[in-house]
């Protein structure tokens, strides 16, 4: 079982869990404090570790908590085939395998997991869990801000859930918001603003769908810096080149939107994958993105309209437009230097 991944296999009234958990999350068990759990430590602290896991990894069927029949803790060397590790009871690994059997009074119909077992090291802040029930499969990634998940929901529940997920993603994504700010913080007509936002929507929707259909491969090594560069590019154009042909701006926004669509696709792949209702998941997430985008753009336009009437600015490019673009530029440069 790969580190920080697990599976839940439902058979009748039982659920069998296998999951690899980080040693750094243990409060008791790592006796020598080396950040690893050896077979000897796992044997000595079997009961204490099992208790910690039982308290922090739970299954429910609606409001009914699953009864734990047994928990087995397994530890091994990070390189169990190495000659130097054979017979070395002090060696261990940064992750340990847990096998759990849960029982319910009836076959679980509303299976829900609650897990709060995250490590302290970089990259140990998530758990990827696959639930299997007959021909149905669903994968979820749990994080400190998302500890619970209900599997095998109805299509309308999946749609609403992913609309909320998409809405939250866009409204908390400073990179996407900064780009949206750079395309609305211009002195332009309503018709031009509608065309620009439509171009951005069409572009990111196209790459979002094509990426999740595996037509376009995604790699964070290049598209995340490209998103940051798109913010710098658009904000710089607004600050340096005040007069731009409408068609040029439309093409530039559309081209930049292609990269943002790959970012959205990566986000939904990293967060939750509902294979049984995959299209409901994708449609809901994209609708949430569009709703959040409309809310933010509407807020920006309203603020600019109020500032225009309060200050009675006569300049073609008012100061608050320049300030908004400068702010977007700073955010873009910050994200660009993170890579």
Protein backbone atom coordinates (compact mmCIF):
# COMPACT_ATOMS: atom_id res chain seq x y z
CA UNK A 1 0.00 0.00 0.00
CA UNK A 2 1.59 3.33 -1.07
CA UNK A 3 2.18 5.91 1.67
CA UNK A 4 -0.91 7.87 2.75
CA UNK A 5 -3.21 5.84 0.56
CA UNK A 6 -5.88 3.37 1.54
CA UNK A 7 -8.88 1.35 0.44
CA UNK A 8 -12.28 0.49 1.90
CA UNK A 9 -13.80 -2.73 0.59
CA UNK A 10 -17.46 -3.23 1.51
CA UNK A 11 -18.62 -6.83 1.72
CA UNK A 12 -22.09 -7.38 3.13
CA UNK A 13 -22.31 -5.80 6.57
CA UNK A 14 -18.52 -5.47 6.87
CA UNK A 15 -16.02 -2.90 5.65
CA UNK A 16 -12.35 -3.86 5.35
CA UNK A 17 -9.88 -0.99 5.51
CA UNK A 18 -6.21 -1.04 4.52
CA UNK A 19 -4.32 2.23 4.87
CA UNK A 20 -0.70 3.42 5.14
CA UNK A 21 -0.40 6.11 7.83
CA UNK A 22 2.49 8.45 8.72
CA UNK A 23 4.55 7.66 11.82
CA UNK A 24 4.98 11.38 12.56
CA UNK A 25 1.26 11.55 13.43
CA UNK A 26 1.66 9.08 16.30
CA UNK A 27 1.60 10.36 19.88
CA UNK A 28 3.00 7.08 21.17
CA UNK A 29 4.86 4.28 19.38
CA UNK A 30 8.03 5.83 17.99
CA UNK A 31 10.07 4.95 21.08
CA UNK A 32 13.48 6.19 19.91
CA UNK A 33 12.08 9.32 18.22
CA UNK A 34 13.75 8.67 14.85
CA UNK A 35 10.54 9.31 12.91
CA UNK A 36 10.27 5.66 11.90
CA UNK A 37 8.30 2.71 13.21
CA UNK A 38 10.29 -0.51 13.42
CA UNK A 39 8.74 -4.01 13.61
CA UNK A 40 9.91 -4.18 17.24
CA UNK A 41 8.24 -0.86 18.13
CA UNK A 42 5.06 -1.93 16.31
CA UNK A 43 4.98 -5.13 18.34
CA UNK A 44 5.62 -3.47 21.70
CA UNK A 45 3.18 -0.59 21.12
CA UNK A 46 0.59 -2.52 19.08
CA UNK A 47 -2.29 -1.74 21.49
CA UNK A 48 -1.38 1.94 21.94
CA UNK A 49 -1.06 2.51 18.18
CA UNK A 50 -4.28 0.62 17.49
CA UNK A 51 -6.10 2.82 20.00
CA UNK A 52 -4.82 5.99 18.32
CA UNK A 53 -5.88 4.74 14.90
CA UNK A 54 -9.32 3.67 16.17
CA UNK A 55 -9.95 7.12 17.64
CA UNK A 56 -8.87 9.00 14.52
CA UNK A 57 -10.03 6.78 11.64
CA UNK A 58 -13.77 6.05 11.79
CA UNK A 59 -16.51 4.76 9.48
CA UNK A 60 -20.22 5.51 9.68
CA UNK A 61 -23.39 4.36 7.96
CA UNK A 62 -25.42 7.53 8.27
CA UNK A 63 -25.46 8.22 12.01
CA UNK A 64 -24.46 4.66 12.97
CA UNK A 65 -20.77 4.28 13.81
CA UNK A 66 -19.09 1.13 12.56
CA UNK A 67 -17.90 -1.32 15.21
CA UNK A 68 -14.20 -2.15 15.03
CA UNK A 69 -13.72 -5.94 15.11
CA UNK A 70 -9.93 -5.82 14.90
CA UNK A 71 -7.00 -3.53 14.09
CA UNK A 72 -3.66 -4.90 12.95
CA UNK A 73 -0.52 -2.76 12.82
CA UNK A 74 2.26 -3.77 10.44
CA UNK A 75 5.67 -2.13 10.19
CA UNK A 76 8.64 -2.93 8.00
CA UNK A 77 11.91 -1.48 6.79
CA UNK A 78 11.88 1.22 4.14
CA UNK A 79 14.08 -1.15 2.16
CA UNK A 80 13.13 -4.55 3.48
CA UNK A 81 15.24 -6.35 0.87
CA UNK A 82 18.47 -4.59 1.78
CA UNK A 83 21.08 -6.90 3.32
CA UNK A 84 21.96 -4.38 6.02
CA UNK A 85 18.36 -4.32 7.22
CA UNK A 86 17.86 -8.07 7.54
CA UNK A 87 17.50 -8.89 11.22
CA UNK A 88 17.76 -5.25 12.23
CA UNK A 89 14.83 -4.79 14.62
CA UNK A 90 15.61 -1.11 15.17
CA UNK A 91 15.16 -0.14 11.53
CA UNK A 92 11.78 1.02 10.35
CA UNK A 93 9.78 3.14 7.91
CA UNK A 94 8.13 6.56 8.02
CA UNK A 95 4.75 4.91 7.31
CA UNK A 96 3.03 1.86 8.74
CA UNK A 97 0.23 -0.29 7.36
CA UNK A 98 -3.07 -0.60 9.23
CA UNK A 99 -5.69 -3.28 8.59
CA UNK A 100 -9.14 -2.68 10.14
CA UNK A 101 -12.42 -4.53 9.99
CA UNK A 102 -15.60 -2.54 10.67
CA UNK A 103 -19.01 -4.16 11.18
CA UNK A 104 -22.49 -2.68 10.78
CA UNK A 105 -25.91 -4.06 11.68
CA UNK A 106 -26.95 -3.92 8.01
CA UNK A 107 -25.09 -3.45 4.72
CA UNK A 108 -23.93 0.23 4.76
CA UNK A 109 -25.89 2.40 2.33
CA UNK A 110 -24.58 5.83 3.39
CA UNK A 111 -20.90 5.04 4.04
CA UNK A 112 -18.98 7.95 5.50
CA UNK A 113 -15.35 8.19 6.57
CA UNK A 114 -13.87 10.55 9.14
CA UNK A 115 -10.09 10.56 9.36
CA UNK A 116 -7.77 12.95 11.16
CA UNK A 117 -4.43 11.17 10.89
CA UNK A 118 -2.03 13.55 9.16
CA UNK A 119 1.73 13.74 9.59
CA UNK A 120 3.99 16.64 10.45
CA UNK A 121 6.33 16.42 7.47
CA UNK A 122 5.90 18.04 4.09
CA UNK A 123 3.56 16.04 1.90
CA UNK A 124 1.91 14.23 4.83
CA UNK A 125 -1.15 16.45 5.00
CA UNK A 126 -3.50 14.29 2.97
CA UNK A 127 -4.96 10.79 2.76
CA UNK A 128 -6.19 9.26 -0.50
CA UNK A 129 -8.95 6.73 0.10
CA UNK A 130 -10.68 4.49 -2.46
CA UNK A 131 -14.05 2.98 -1.52
CA UNK A 132 -15.25 -0.13 -3.38
CA UNK A 133 -18.80 -1.47 -3.28
CA UNK A 134 -19.59 -4.10 -5.93
CA UNK A 135 -19.04 -2.35 -9.27
CA UNK A 136 -18.94 1.15 -7.74
CA UNK A 137 -15.67 2.90 -6.93
CA UNK A 138 -15.03 6.35 -5.55
CA UNK A 139 -11.82 8.09 -4.52
CA UNK A 140 -11.53 10.97 -2.07
CA UNK A 141 -8.56 12.95 -0.79
CA UNK A 142 -8.92 14.01 2.84
CA UNK A 143 -7.03 17.01 4.19
CA UNK A 144 -6.97 18.88 7.53
CA UNK A 145 -9.75 21.14 6.25
CA UNK A 146 -11.73 18.23 4.80
CA UNK A 147 -11.82 15.40 7.33
CA UNK A 148 -15.11 13.74 6.37
CA UNK A 149 -16.61 12.41 3.19
CA UNK A 150 -19.74 10.45 2.33
CA UNK A 151 -19.37 7.91 -0.47
CA UNK A 152 -21.85 6.74 -3.11
CA UNK A 153 -24.23 9.70 -2.99
CA UNK A 154 -27.12 10.39 -5.38
CA UNK A 155 -26.37 12.41 -8.58
CA UNK A 156 -28.06 15.60 -7.34
CA UNK A 157 -26.08 15.43 -4.07
CA UNK A 158 -22.84 15.05 -6.02
CA UNK A 159 -23.80 18.01 -8.25
CA UNK A 160 -24.53 20.34 -5.31
CA UNK A 161 -21.41 19.23 -3.45
CA UNK A 162 -19.16 19.93 -6.43
CA UNK A 163 -20.80 23.29 -7.12
CA UNK A 164 -19.82 24.27 -3.57
CA UNK A 165 -16.33 22.82 -4.12
CA UNK A 166 -15.84 24.82 -7.33
CA UNK A 167 -17.22 27.99 -5.73
CA UNK A 168 -14.87 27.62 -2.76
CA UNK A 169 -11.91 26.89 -5.04
CA UNK A 170 -12.28 30.00 -7.21
CA UNK A 171 -13.06 32.36 -4.32
CA UNK A 172 -10.01 31.18 -2.35
CA UNK A 173 -7.66 30.95 -5.33
CA UNK A 174 -5.65 34.15 -5.25
CA UNK A 175 -3.96 33.39 -8.58
CA UNK A 176 -7.24 33.06 -10.49
CA UNK A 177 -8.80 36.06 -8.72
CA UNK A 178 -5.76 38.20 -9.53
CA UNK A 179 -6.08 37.32 -13.21
CA UNK A 180 -9.79 38.13 -13.20
CA UNK A 181 -8.97 41.46 -11.56
CA UNK A 182 -6.46 42.23 -14.33
CA UNK A 183 -9.04 41.66 -17.08
CA UNK A 184 -11.79 43.78 -15.48
CA UNK A 185 -9.60 46.63 -14.16
CA UNK A 186 -9.62 48.44 -17.50
CA UNK A 187 -11.55 51.39 -18.86
CA UNK A 188 -13.75 49.50 -21.31
CA UNK A 189 -17.35 49.25 -22.47
CA UNK A 190 -19.81 46.68 -21.12
CA UNK A 191 -19.74 44.92 -24.49
CA UNK A 192 -15.97 44.57 -24.36
CA UNK A 193 -16.09 43.30 -20.77
CA UNK A 194 -18.66 40.68 -21.76
CA UNK A 195 -16.52 39.51 -24.67
CA UNK A 196 -13.37 39.29 -22.55
CA UNK A 197 -14.98 37.31 -19.73
CA UNK A 198 -16.67 35.02 -22.27
CA UNK A 199 -13.31 34.37 -23.94
CA UNK A 200 -11.78 33.47 -20.59
CA UNK A 201 -14.71 31.18 -19.73
CA UNK A 202 -14.60 29.35 -23.06
CA UNK A 203 -10.83 28.88 -22.84
CA UNK A 204 -10.62 27.49 -19.30
CA UNK A 205 -13.74 25.35 -19.81
CA UNK A 206 -12.21 23.75 -22.92
CA UNK A 207 -8.90 22.78 -21.33
CA UNK A 208 -10.67 21.80 -18.09
CA UNK A 209 -12.83 19.23 -19.90
CA UNK A 210 -10.11 18.03 -22.29
CA UNK A 211 -7.66 17.54 -19.44
CA UNK A 212 -10.09 15.50 -17.34
CA UNK A 213 -10.86 13.38 -20.42
CA UNK A 214 -7.07 12.68 -20.61
CA UNK A 215 -6.85 14.39 -24.01
CA UNK A 216 -4.42 16.98 -22.62
CA UNK A 217 -1.81 15.91 -20.05
CA UNK A 218 -1.28 18.19 -17.08
CA UNK A 219 1.98 18.89 -15.29
CA UNK A 220 2.29 21.33 -12.41
CA UNK A 221 5.90 21.89 -13.39
CA UNK A 222 4.86 24.13 -16.26
CA UNK A 223 1.22 25.19 -16.08
CA UNK A 224 1.32 26.69 -12.56
CA UNK A 225 4.20 29.04 -13.51
CA UNK A 226 2.26 29.79 -16.72
CA UNK A 227 -0.77 30.86 -14.66
CA UNK A 228 1.42 33.18 -12.58
CA UNK A 229 3.02 34.53 -15.76
CA UNK A 230 -0.43 35.21 -17.25
CA UNK A 231 -1.24 37.49 -14.29
CA UNK A 232 2.04 39.39 -14.70
CA UNK A 233 1.46 39.66 -18.46
CA UNK A 234 -2.08 41.04 -18.32
CA UNK A 235 -1.44 43.41 -15.40
CA UNK A 236 1.72 44.73 -17.07
CA UNK A 237 -0.12 45.32 -20.33
CA UNK A 238 -2.74 47.37 -18.49
CA UNK A 239 -0.11 49.45 -16.70
CA UNK A 240 2.35 49.99 -19.57
CA UNK A 241 0.21 49.83 -22.70
CA UNK A 242 -2.99 51.65 -21.88
CA UNK A 243 -4.43 51.52 -25.40
CA UNK A 244 -4.73 48.01 -26.82
CA UNK A 245 -6.72 46.76 -29.82
CA UNK A 246 -9.84 44.91 -28.62
CA UNK A 247 -9.00 41.81 -30.66
CA UNK A 248 -5.52 41.62 -29.15
CA UNK A 249 -6.89 41.68 -25.61
CA UNK A 250 -9.46 39.00 -26.47
CA UNK A 251 -6.80 36.71 -27.93
CA UNK A 252 -4.48 37.30 -24.97
CA UNK A 253 -7.21 36.55 -22.41
CA UNK A 254 -8.29 33.42 -24.30
CA UNK A 255 -4.70 32.14 -24.52
CA UNK A 256 -4.10 32.74 -20.80
CA UNK A 257 -7.42 31.11 -19.94
CA UNK A 258 -6.19 27.84 -21.43
CA UNK A 259 -3.61 27.53 -18.64
CA UNK A 260 -6.15 28.38 -15.94
CA UNK A 261 -8.36 25.53 -17.17
CA UNK A 262 -5.49 23.10 -16.60
CA UNK A 263 -5.17 24.46 -13.08
CA UNK A 264 -8.87 23.85 -12.41
CA UNK A 265 -8.57 20.31 -13.78
CA UNK A 266 -5.61 19.55 -11.55
CA UNK A 267 -7.47 20.87 -8.52
CA UNK A 268 -10.50 18.64 -8.97
CA UNK A 269 -8.25 15.64 -9.65
CA UNK A 270 -6.37 16.33 -6.42
CA UNK A 271 -9.46 16.90 -4.30
CA UNK A 272 -12.19 14.40 -5.10
CA UNK A 273 -12.85 11.92 -7.89
CA UNK A 274 -16.33 10.41 -8.10
CA UNK A 275 -16.00 7.74 -10.77
CA UNK A 276 -19.61 6.57 -10.51
CA UNK A 277 -21.02 10.06 -11.17
CA UNK A 278 -17.99 11.49 -12.93
CA UNK A 279 -19.85 13.85 -15.25
CA UNK A 280 -22.03 15.19 -12.45
CA UNK A 281 -18.79 15.91 -10.57
CA UNK A 282 -17.22 17.74 -13.51
CA UNK A 283 -20.36 19.71 -14.38
CA UNK A 284 -20.90 20.73 -10.76
CA UNK A 285 -17.29 21.84 -10.26
CA UNK A 286 -17.31 23.86 -13.48
CA UNK A 287 -20.63 25.49 -12.55
CA UNK A 288 -19.17 26.43 -9.18
CA UNK A 289 -16.15 27.95 -10.91
CA UNK A 290 -18.39 30.01 -13.22
CA UNK A 291 -20.64 31.13 -10.36
CA UNK A 292 -17.64 32.24 -8.29
CA UNK A 293 -16.18 34.00 -11.31
CA UNK A 294 -19.41 35.92 -11.91
CA UNK A 295 -19.65 36.91 -8.24
CA UNK A 296 -16.09 38.23 -8.16
CA UNK A 297 -16.35 40.09 -11.47
CA UNK A 298 -19.68 41.58 -10.40
CA UNK A 299 -18.13 42.73 -7.13
CA UNK A 300 -15.16 44.33 -8.90
CA UNK A 301 -17.33 46.15 -11.44
CA UNK A 302 -19.64 47.41 -8.68
CA UNK A 303 -16.70 48.74 -6.65
CA UNK A 304 -15.19 50.46 -9.70
CA UNK A 305 -18.58 51.99 -10.58
CA UNK A 306 -18.98 53.40 -7.06
CA UNK A 307 -15.44 54.79 -7.03
CA UNK A 308 -16.01 56.43 -10.39
CA UNK A 309 -19.10 58.25 -9.17
CA UNK A 310 -17.67 59.13 -5.77
CA UNK A 311 -14.43 60.58 -7.13
CA UNK A 312 -15.87 61.87 -10.40
CA UNK A 313 -12.66 60.85 -12.17
CA UNK A 314 -12.18 62.37 -15.60
CA UNK A 315 -9.02 60.44 -16.51
CA UNK A 316 -9.31 57.77 -19.18
CA UNK A 317 -7.55 55.31 -16.88
CA UNK A 318 -8.51 56.26 -13.29
CA UNK A 319 -6.12 55.80 -10.40
CA UNK A 320 -8.10 52.93 -8.89
CA UNK A 321 -7.70 50.93 -12.12
CA UNK A 322 -3.95 51.42 -11.98
CA UNK A 323 -3.92 50.46 -8.31
CA UNK A 324 -5.90 47.28 -8.98
CA UNK A 325 -3.52 46.25 -11.76
CA UNK A 326 -0.50 47.01 -9.61
CA UNK A 327 -1.97 44.78 -6.88
CA UNK A 328 -2.58 41.98 -9.39
CA UNK A 329 0.97 42.40 -10.69
CA UNK A 330 2.44 42.01 -7.19
CA UNK A 331 0.43 38.81 -6.64
CA UNK A 332 1.53 37.44 -10.02
CA UNK A 333 5.20 38.16 -9.33
CA UNK A 334 4.91 36.57 -5.88
CA UNK A 335 3.44 33.34 -7.30
CA UNK A 336 5.97 33.34 -10.15
CA UNK A 337 8.89 33.42 -7.74
CA UNK A 338 7.47 30.42 -5.84
CA UNK A 339 8.62 28.13 -8.66
